[in-house]
Amino acid sequence: MALNIPRPTIERLPLYLRCLSRLKSSGVEVASSDELGNLLGITSVQIRKDLAYFGEFGRRGVGYDVQSLLAQVTGILGADQPHKVALVGVGHLGQALANYDGFREHGFNISAVFDADPNKVGMTVAGQRVLHSDRIPEVVSQAGIELAILTVPAHAAQRVADALVKAGVRAIWNFAPTRISLPDDIEVRQENMIVGLLALSYYLAQREK
């Protein structure tokens, strides 16, 4: 079913999860699509359409049971079970990501950390001893790791990604400043830190004209 879900809908699910988590923490028990829409800046029609891809939620004229919908969205996102994550590249960005508490809160556990720099091998990052990247095939395969975060230089990204996939990784979050090419059955999310700043810079430049 997931293959037929529009990507924008999938991208909005984490927003719904965060919003529902905050509502639950605030003691809110029921919320309408209008209320969710106002909090998220998304139309109520879009919210109902997104959720309809996954089943029937809420009651007309009443709204959504916050705790129930939170559990449903958590399950849809696969965040109701722990995930082992490998992180490759322990520069400043890699270490910052590895130590981000939000990952653990949603069940994403940094289970192995790698780097090709001998000076970084042996360090402790996020409670894990940094291993040399040459050990990716052995460690990732034995640990059954299926998710990886890539924060390596551009020239190493494709080689490392290939090694991760061969070891059993099925999804990669790529922060390397280059695109990686992998088989169609491997999920890749490409991030480029400078793209966001350049886009903001564009809007500032247009205002000044």
Foldseek 3Di string as FASTA:
>chain_A
DVVPQDPVLVVCLVVLLVVLVVCVVVVNFFDALPRSCVVRVHDSVVVCVSVVVPHDADDPPTGGGSVVVNVVSLVVNVLVEAAEEEEEDPDPVSLVVLPDVVCVVSRYHDDAYEYQDPVQQQDAGNNYGYHYLVCLLPPCLVVVHAEYEYDDEPVCVQVSVVSNVNSHHQEYEYAHQDDYDDDPRRHYHYDDVVVVVVVVVVVVVVVVD
